[in-house]
Amino acid sequence: MTNTEIRTTQVKVPNGDLQIDAYLASPTRKGTFPAVIVIQEIFGVNIHIREVAEKFAKLGYVAIAPTLFQRTAPGFEAGYNPEDIEKGRQYKQQTKAEEILSDIQAAIAYLRTLPNVQPDAIGSIGFCFGGHVVYLAATLADIKVTASFYGGGITNSTPGGGEPTITRTPDIKGPIYAFFGLEDQGIPLEDTEQIEAELKKYQIPHAIFRYEGAGHGFFCNHRASYNPEAAADAWKNVVELFQKNLQLQTV
């Protein structure tokens, strides 16, 4: 497994008249690499999301984290206190599924302009709200593999309203892993079972991971709910999933 040197930068992703702020992390060495789109929680592209992008870059991926709130709260970045949670929820409620998918498609198009990106090897990973969003994004033809962390509301809602996101399950194009904490008060076990049943029904390659003693946000070491054992196991499975499906070449 590589642990390559990386470079990071802030970039603008064009989507029509909209310029989406994004954080880009990539290997410094020469070559072409698979890419990963890292989707934020409700807290913006904050330190946690940037660190996830950097973790992927150190493994030999080009990772981009576009903000989801560019239309309503450009530059929003927050921590995890109650006030931040309330603000983040307000901004989340203003998002719409089709706008989000358009922004992710724009991120894909941007990645394909980069000379160090393998254009047909792009996956996505998301956390919290982003865990829901990547379930949506898994329906895009260009997303080859998906990792969804504790995505709430998949079974009963979709951003902006309409049919719940779970109804789009048959449109998922590639393998998807979903990670949940059994102590997550916002995502009942019944929801994870419903997601698993739908993935089985439509024969989507998948795995569902449920961690005892883990709550919401267990992967984030900046949150009080961080669970290092669950986080380490989840990351191991994510790395294996992406290496297998994006054909990462290690040197």
Protein backbone atom coordinates (compact mmCIF):
# COMPACT_ATOMS: atom_id res chain seq x y z
CA MET A 1 0.00 0.00 0.00
CA THR A 2 1.38 3.38 -0.98
CA ASN A 3 1.80 6.40 1.26
CA THR A 4 2.76 8.88 -1.41
CA GLU A 5 3.50 12.57 -1.11
CA ILE A 6 0.53 14.75 -2.00
CA ARG A 7 -0.42 18.28 -2.94
CA THR A 8 -3.64 20.03 -1.97
CA THR A 9 -5.38 23.10 -3.35
CA GLN A 10 -8.69 24.90 -3.48
CA VAL A 11 -10.30 24.83 -6.93
CA LYS A 12 -13.42 26.05 -8.69
CA VAL A 13 -15.65 23.52 -10.44
CA PRO A 14 -17.81 25.10 -13.15
CA ASN A 15 -21.44 24.07 -13.43
CA GLY A 16 -23.07 26.47 -15.86
CA ASP A 17 -23.05 29.90 -14.22
CA LEU A 18 -22.23 28.36 -10.84
CA GLN A 19 -18.64 28.07 -9.63
CA ILE A 20 -18.46 25.34 -6.99
CA ASP A 21 -15.74 25.59 -4.36
CA ALA A 22 -13.87 22.31 -3.97
CA TYR A 23 -10.85 20.87 -2.19
CA LEU A 24 -8.48 18.86 -4.37
CA ALA A 25 -5.85 16.43 -3.09
CA SER A 26 -3.62 14.45 -5.43
CA PRO A 27 -0.34 12.56 -5.57
CA THR A 28 2.72 14.60 -6.52
CA ARG A 29 4.31 11.77 -8.48
CA LYS A 30 3.83 11.44 -12.21
CA GLY A 31 1.18 9.14 -13.57
CA THR A 32 -2.56 8.81 -13.99
CA PHE A 33 -4.72 7.83 -11.05
CA PRO A 34 -8.28 6.79 -10.25
CA ALA A 35 -10.36 9.49 -8.61
CA VAL A 36 -12.69 9.75 -5.62
CA ILE A 37 -15.38 12.34 -4.97
CA VAL A 38 -15.62 12.97 -1.21
CA ILE A 39 -19.04 14.21 -0.12
CA GLN A 40 -19.39 16.33 3.00
CA GLU A 41 -21.52 16.08 6.09
CA ILE A 42 -23.83 19.02 6.87
CA PHE A 43 -20.76 20.87 8.16
CA GLY A 44 -19.29 21.81 4.82
CA VAL A 45 -15.91 20.81 3.44
CA ASN A 46 -14.35 21.06 6.88
CA ILE A 47 -11.18 19.57 8.33
CA HIS A 48 -12.64 16.06 8.51
CA ILE A 49 -13.64 15.99 4.85
CA ARG A 50 -10.31 17.48 3.79
CA GLU A 51 -8.48 14.83 5.79
CA VAL A 52 -10.48 12.07 4.10
CA ALA A 53 -9.52 13.50 0.71
CA GLU A 54 -5.89 13.56 1.80
CA LYS A 55 -6.06 9.95 3.00
CA PHE A 56 -7.17 8.90 -0.48
CA ALA A 57 -4.49 10.98 -2.16
CA LYS A 58 -1.81 9.33 -0.02
CA LEU A 59 -3.04 5.98 -1.33
CA GLY A 60 -2.67 7.10 -4.93
CA TYR A 61 -6.04 8.62 -5.83
CA VAL A 62 -7.00 12.08 -6.98
CA ALA A 63 -9.65 13.17 -4.47
CA ILE A 64 -12.02 16.09 -4.79
CA ALA A 65 -14.48 17.38 -2.19
CA PRO A 66 -17.04 19.79 -3.69
CA THR A 67 -19.20 21.87 -1.39
CA LEU A 68 -22.91 21.02 -1.46
CA PHE A 69 -24.07 24.39 -0.19
CA GLN A 70 -22.57 26.65 -2.87
CA ARG A 71 -25.94 28.08 -3.86
CA THR A 72 -27.06 29.09 -0.38
CA ALA A 73 -24.00 29.24 1.87
CA PRO A 74 -20.74 29.59 -0.09
CA GLY A 75 -17.72 29.17 2.12
CA PHE A 76 -19.68 27.56 4.95
CA GLU A 77 -17.49 25.40 7.17
CA ALA A 78 -18.35 24.36 10.70
CA GLY A 79 -17.47 22.15 13.62
CA TYR A 80 -19.78 19.92 15.61
CA ASN A 81 -21.33 22.03 18.35
CA PRO A 82 -25.13 22.45 18.62
CA GLU A 83 -25.11 25.82 16.85
CA ASP A 84 -23.14 24.37 13.93
CA ILE A 85 -25.51 21.42 13.71
CA GLU A 86 -28.51 23.74 13.52
CA LYS A 87 -26.93 25.84 10.77
CA GLY A 88 -25.91 22.78 8.82
CA ARG A 89 -29.39 21.32 9.00
CA GLN A 90 -30.87 24.56 7.70
CA TYR A 91 -28.57 24.54 4.70
CA LYS A 92 -29.18 20.85 4.06
CA GLN A 93 -32.92 21.49 3.93
CA GLN A 94 -32.37 23.94 1.09
CA THR A 95 -30.68 21.40 -1.17
CA LYS A 96 -32.39 19.57 -4.02
CA ALA A 97 -31.51 16.14 -5.32
CA GLU A 98 -31.25 17.11 -8.96
CA GLU A 99 -29.05 20.13 -8.19
CA ILE A 100 -26.75 17.96 -6.08
CA LEU A 101 -26.50 15.36 -8.84
CA SER A 102 -25.76 18.13 -11.32
CA ASP A 103 -22.95 19.40 -9.08
CA ILE A 104 -21.48 15.93 -8.73
CA GLN A 105 -21.64 15.45 -12.48
CA ALA A 106 -19.81 18.76 -12.81
CA ALA A 107 -17.13 17.46 -10.42
CA ILE A 108 -16.78 14.37 -12.60
CA ALA A 109 -16.39 16.55 -15.69
CA TYR A 110 -13.78 18.65 -13.88
CA LEU A 111 -11.80 15.58 -12.85
CA ARG A 112 -11.73 14.45 -16.46
CA THR A 113 -9.99 17.67 -17.46
CA LEU A 114 -7.06 16.82 -15.20
CA PRO A 115 -4.16 15.09 -16.93
CA ASN A 116 -3.43 12.87 -13.93
CA VAL A 117 -6.94 11.36 -13.68
CA GLN A 118 -8.02 8.06 -15.20
CA PRO A 119 -11.32 9.28 -16.70
CA ASP A 120 -13.23 6.03 -16.35
CA ALA A 121 -12.14 5.17 -12.81
CA ILE A 122 -14.17 7.43 -10.50
CA GLY A 123 -15.85 6.50 -7.22
CA SER A 124 -17.52 8.37 -4.38
CA ILE A 125 -17.61 8.32 -0.60
CA GLY A 126 -19.88 10.33 1.68
CA PHE A 127 -20.61 10.84 5.35
CA CYS A 128 -23.83 11.70 7.22
CA PHE A 129 -25.80 13.85 4.74
CA GLY A 130 -23.10 12.91 2.26
CA GLY A 131 -23.80 9.25 2.96
CA HIS A 132 -27.32 9.86 1.68
CA VAL A 133 -26.06 11.92 -1.24
CA VAL A 134 -23.67 9.23 -2.50
CA TYR A 135 -26.54 6.73 -2.52
CA LEU A 136 -28.16 9.12 -4.99
CA ALA A 137 -24.92 9.64 -6.89
CA ALA A 138 -24.45 5.88 -7.24
CA THR A 139 -27.15 6.08 -9.92
CA LEU A 140 -24.84 8.14 -12.16
CA ALA A 141 -23.27 6.11 -14.94
CA ASP A 142 -19.81 7.57 -14.27
CA ILE A 143 -19.66 6.48 -10.61
CA LYS A 144 -18.08 3.04 -10.57
CA VAL A 145 -18.09 2.37 -6.81
CA THR A 146 -19.62 3.93 -3.70
CA ALA A 147 -19.02 3.98 0.05
CA SER A 148 -21.88 5.41 2.13
CA PHE A 149 -21.32 6.22 5.81
CA TYR A 150 -24.33 6.55 8.10
CA GLY A 151 -26.55 8.16 5.50
CA GLY A 152 -29.83 9.09 7.19
CA GLY A 153 -33.20 9.44 5.55
CA ILE A 154 -32.50 7.20 2.56
CA THR A 155 -35.63 5.15 3.18
CA ASN A 156 -38.09 8.00 3.72
CA SER A 157 -36.82 11.20 2.08
CA THR A 158 -34.78 12.79 -0.66
CA PRO A 159 -33.21 16.28 -0.80
CA GLY A 160 -35.81 18.81 -1.88
CA GLY A 161 -38.70 16.38 -1.53
CA GLY A 162 -40.19 13.71 -3.74
CA GLU A 163 -39.97 9.95 -3.76
CA PRO A 164 -37.53 8.59 -1.15
CA THR A 165 -34.00 8.01 -2.38
CA ILE A 166 -34.35 4.27 -1.78
CA THR A 167 -36.75 4.10 -4.74
CA ARG A 168 -33.74 4.83 -6.98
CA THR A 169 -31.95 1.66 -5.85
CA PRO A 170 -32.54 -0.20 -9.13
CA ASP A 171 -30.65 2.58 -10.94
CA ILE A 172 -27.43 2.09 -8.95
CA LYS A 173 -24.69 1.26 -11.43
CA GLY A 174 -21.83 -0.23 -9.39
CA PRO A 175 -20.91 -1.85 -6.09
CA ILE A 176 -21.88 -0.03 -2.91
CA TYR A 177 -20.80 -0.52 0.69
CA ALA A 178 -22.82 1.08 3.48
CA PHE A 179 -21.59 1.59 7.04
CA PHE A 180 -23.77 2.13 10.11
CA GLY A 181 -23.37 2.28 13.87
CA LEU A 182 -25.84 0.22 15.85
CA GLU A 183 -25.99 3.01 18.45
CA ASP A 184 -26.92 5.64 15.85
CA GLN A 185 -30.07 7.23 17.25
CA GLY A 186 -30.97 8.78 13.90
CA ILE A 187 -30.87 5.65 11.75
CA PRO A 188 -33.00 2.77 13.06
CA LEU A 189 -31.89 -0.79 12.39
CA GLU A 190 -35.08 -1.22 10.35
CA ASP A 191 -33.79 1.40 7.90
CA THR A 192 -30.52 -0.41 7.34
CA GLU A 193 -32.40 -3.67 6.87
CA GLN A 194 -34.69 -2.03 4.31
CA ILE A 195 -31.70 -0.68 2.40
CA GLU A 196 -30.08 -4.11 2.44
CA ALA A 197 -33.30 -5.76 1.24
CA GLU A 198 -33.62 -3.36 -1.69
CA LEU A 199 -30.01 -3.86 -2.73
CA LYS A 200 -30.55 -7.62 -2.65
CA LYS A 201 -33.84 -7.33 -4.52
CA TYR A 202 -32.24 -5.50 -7.43
CA GLN A 203 -29.05 -7.56 -7.30
CA ILE A 204 -26.78 -4.58 -6.68
CA PRO A 205 -23.32 -5.74 -5.54
CA HIS A 206 -23.14 -4.56 -1.95
CA ALA A 207 -22.13 -5.08 1.65
CA ILE A 208 -23.72 -3.60 4.78
CA PHE A 209 -21.51 -3.10 7.83
CA ARG A 210 -23.10 -2.55 11.25
CA TYR A 211 -20.83 -1.78 14.19
CA GLU A 212 -21.77 -2.55 17.77
CA GLY A 213 -21.11 0.27 20.18
CA ALA A 214 -20.76 2.82 17.37
CA GLY A 215 -22.98 5.87 17.01
CA HIS A 216 -23.54 8.47 14.33
CA GLY A 217 -20.32 9.98 13.05
CA PHE A 218 -18.17 7.11 14.32
CA PHE A 219 -15.63 7.56 11.53
CA CYS A 220 -14.82 11.19 12.35
CA ASN A 221 -12.00 11.68 14.86
CA HIS A 222 -13.13 15.28 15.41
CA ARG A 223 -16.44 14.19 16.91
CA ALA A 224 -17.21 12.94 20.40
CA SER A 225 -18.81 9.88 18.80
CA TYR A 226 -15.55 8.76 17.18
CA ASN A 227 -15.05 5.02 17.52
CA PRO A 228 -11.47 4.15 16.52
CA GLU A 229 -12.06 0.40 16.24
CA ALA A 230 -15.12 0.77 14.00
CA ALA A 231 -13.42 3.51 11.99
CA ALA A 232 -10.33 1.39 11.36
CA ASP A 233 -12.34 -1.61 10.22
CA ALA A 234 -14.53 0.55 7.99
CA TRP A 235 -11.51 2.20 6.37
CA LYS A 236 -9.92 -1.18 5.69
CA ASN A 237 -13.07 -2.26 3.88
CA VAL A 238 -13.28 1.02 1.96
CA VAL A 239 -9.67 0.70 0.79
CA GLU A 240 -10.25 -2.86 -0.41
CA LEU A 241 -13.48 -1.86 -2.16
CA PHE A 242 -11.89 1.00 -4.09
CA GLN A 243 -8.70 -0.87 -4.93
CA LYS A 244 -10.72 -3.72 -6.38
CA ASN A 245 -13.16 -1.65 -8.41
CA LEU A 246 -11.00 1.27 -9.53
CA GLN A 247 -7.96 -0.87 -10.38
CA LEU A 248 -5.51 1.15 -8.32
CA GLN A 249 -1.94 0.42 -9.32
CA THR A 250 0.41 0.70 -6.36
CA VAL A 251 4.12 1.36 -6.77
